[in-house]
Amino acid sequence: MTLFAIIFYLLLLDALVANIIARFGEKRYVRHFRLMSRFFPITKGWTTYYLVLVLYIGYLTMR
């Protein structure tokens, strides 16, 4: 497994977790991480865009 593949799978895992938090745990995220949620608000649009971008980069590199 190459270094690039490891980085890609870590980014993919991060994007999936961010989407799960945005869809199901937004209130808990804001309640437990008040300061961080002010600077990095978790929204469904941003996390979906992040997931699509990671998948697109993975698709381009696998070609």
C-alpha atoms as a PDB file:
ATOM      1  CA  MET A   1       0.000   0.000   0.000  1.00  0.00           C
ATOM      2  CA  THR A   2       1.458   3.296  -1.013  1.00  0.00           C
ATOM      3  CA  LEU A   3       1.633   6.438   1.049  1.00  0.00           C
ATOM      4  CA  PHE A   4      -0.882   8.082  -1.265  1.00  0.00           C
ATOM      5  CA  ALA A   5      -3.396   5.289  -0.737  1.00  0.00           C
ATOM      6  CA  ILE A   6      -3.059   5.601   3.036  1.00  0.00           C
ATOM      7  CA  ILE A   7      -3.635   9.367   2.853  1.00  0.00           C
ATOM      8  CA  PHE A   8      -6.607   8.881   0.541  1.00  0.00           C
ATOM      9  CA  TYR A   9      -8.290   6.363   2.835  1.00  0.00           C
ATOM     10  CA  LEU A  10      -7.722   8.606   5.861  1.00  0.00           C
ATOM     11  CA  LEU A  11      -9.314  11.526   4.011  1.00  0.00           C
ATOM     12  CA  LEU A  12     -12.186   9.306   2.914  1.00  0.00           C
ATOM     13  CA  LEU A  13     -12.775   8.180   6.492  1.00  0.00           C
ATOM     14  CA  ASP A  14     -12.674  11.811   7.646  1.00  0.00           C
ATOM     15  CA  ALA A  15     -15.190  12.854   4.988  1.00  0.00           C
ATOM     16  CA  LEU A  16     -17.550  10.017   5.890  1.00  0.00           C
ATOM     17  CA  VAL A  17     -17.392  10.800   9.609  1.00  0.00           C
ATOM     18  CA  ALA A  18     -17.986  14.502   8.904  1.00  0.00           C
ATOM     19  CA  ASN A  19     -21.077  13.601   6.859  1.00  0.00           C
ATOM     20  CA  ILE A  20     -22.421  11.355   9.611  1.00  0.00           C
ATOM     21  CA  ILE A  21     -21.933  14.099  12.194  1.00  0.00           C
ATOM     22  CA  ALA A  22     -23.563  16.700   9.948  1.00  0.00           C
ATOM     23  CA  ARG A  23     -26.586  14.524   9.266  1.00  0.00           C
ATOM     24  CA  PHE A  24     -27.212  12.948  12.663  1.00  0.00           C
ATOM     25  CA  GLY A  25     -25.180  14.700  15.374  1.00  0.00           C
ATOM     26  CA  GLU A  26     -25.128  18.413  14.641  1.00  0.00           C
ATOM     27  CA  LYS A  27     -26.712  19.425  17.966  1.00  0.00           C
ATOM     28  CA  ARG A  28     -24.320  17.272  19.948  1.00  0.00           C
ATOM     29  CA  TYR A  29     -21.348  18.700  17.998  1.00  0.00           C
ATOM     30  CA  VAL A  30     -22.403  22.277  18.766  1.00  0.00           C
ATOM     31  CA  ARG A  31     -23.131  21.485  22.414  1.00  0.00           C
ATOM     32  CA  HIS A  32     -19.828  19.711  23.146  1.00  0.00           C
ATOM     33  CA  PHE A  33     -17.480  21.739  20.934  1.00  0.00           C
ATOM     34  CA  ARG A  34     -18.781  25.301  21.340  1.00  0.00           C
ATOM     35  CA  LEU A  35     -15.598  27.159  20.434  1.00  0.00           C
ATOM     36  CA  MET A  36     -14.697  24.888  17.531  1.00  0.00           C
ATOM     37  CA  SER A  37     -18.251  24.956  16.181  1.00  0.00           C
ATOM     38  CA  ARG A  38     -18.096  28.749  15.964  1.00  0.00           C
ATOM     39  CA  PHE A  39     -15.010  28.675  13.750  1.00  0.00           C
ATOM     40  CA  PHE A  40     -15.828  25.438  11.893  1.00  0.00           C
ATOM     41  CA  PRO A  41     -19.606  25.113  11.562  1.00  0.00           C
ATOM     42  CA  ILE A  42     -20.603  21.689  10.363  1.00  0.00           C
ATOM     43  CA  THR A  43     -23.183  21.928   7.598  1.00  0.00           C
ATOM     44  CA  LYS A  44     -24.623  19.321   5.275  1.00  0.00           C
ATOM     45  CA  GLY A  45     -23.604  21.231   2.160  1.00  0.00           C
ATOM     46  CA  TRP A  46     -19.976  21.653   3.154  1.00  0.00           C
ATOM     47  CA  THR A  47     -19.537  18.033   4.210  1.00  0.00           C
ATOM     48  CA  THR A  48     -21.226  16.727   1.063  1.00  0.00           C
ATOM     49  CA  TYR A  49     -18.939  18.883  -1.068  1.00  0.00           C
ATOM     50  CA  TYR A  50     -15.929  17.592   0.908  1.00  0.00           C
ATOM     51  CA  LEU A  51     -16.977  13.961   0.324  1.00  0.00           C
ATOM     52  CA  VAL A  52     -17.524  14.535  -3.400  1.00  0.00           C
ATOM     53  CA  LEU A  53     -14.138  16.239  -3.688  1.00  0.00           C
ATOM     54  CA  VAL A  54     -12.351  13.362  -1.928  1.00  0.00           C
ATOM     55  CA  LEU A  55     -14.118  10.797  -4.116  1.00  0.00           C
ATOM     56  CA  TYR A  56     -13.259  12.774  -7.252  1.00  0.00           C
ATOM     57  CA  ILE A  57      -9.581  12.976  -6.296  1.00  0.00           C
ATOM     58  CA  GLY A  58      -9.611   9.221  -5.604  1.00  0.00           C
ATOM     59  CA  TYR A  59     -11.228   8.566  -8.976  1.00  0.00           C
ATOM     60  CA  LEU A  60      -8.649  10.687 -10.782  1.00  0.00           C
ATOM     61  CA  THR A  61      -5.739   8.927  -9.139  1.00  0.00           C
ATOM     62  CA  MET A  62      -7.089   5.431  -9.760  1.00  0.00           C
ATOM     63  CA  ARG A  63      -7.361   6.029 -13.505  1.00  0.00           C
END
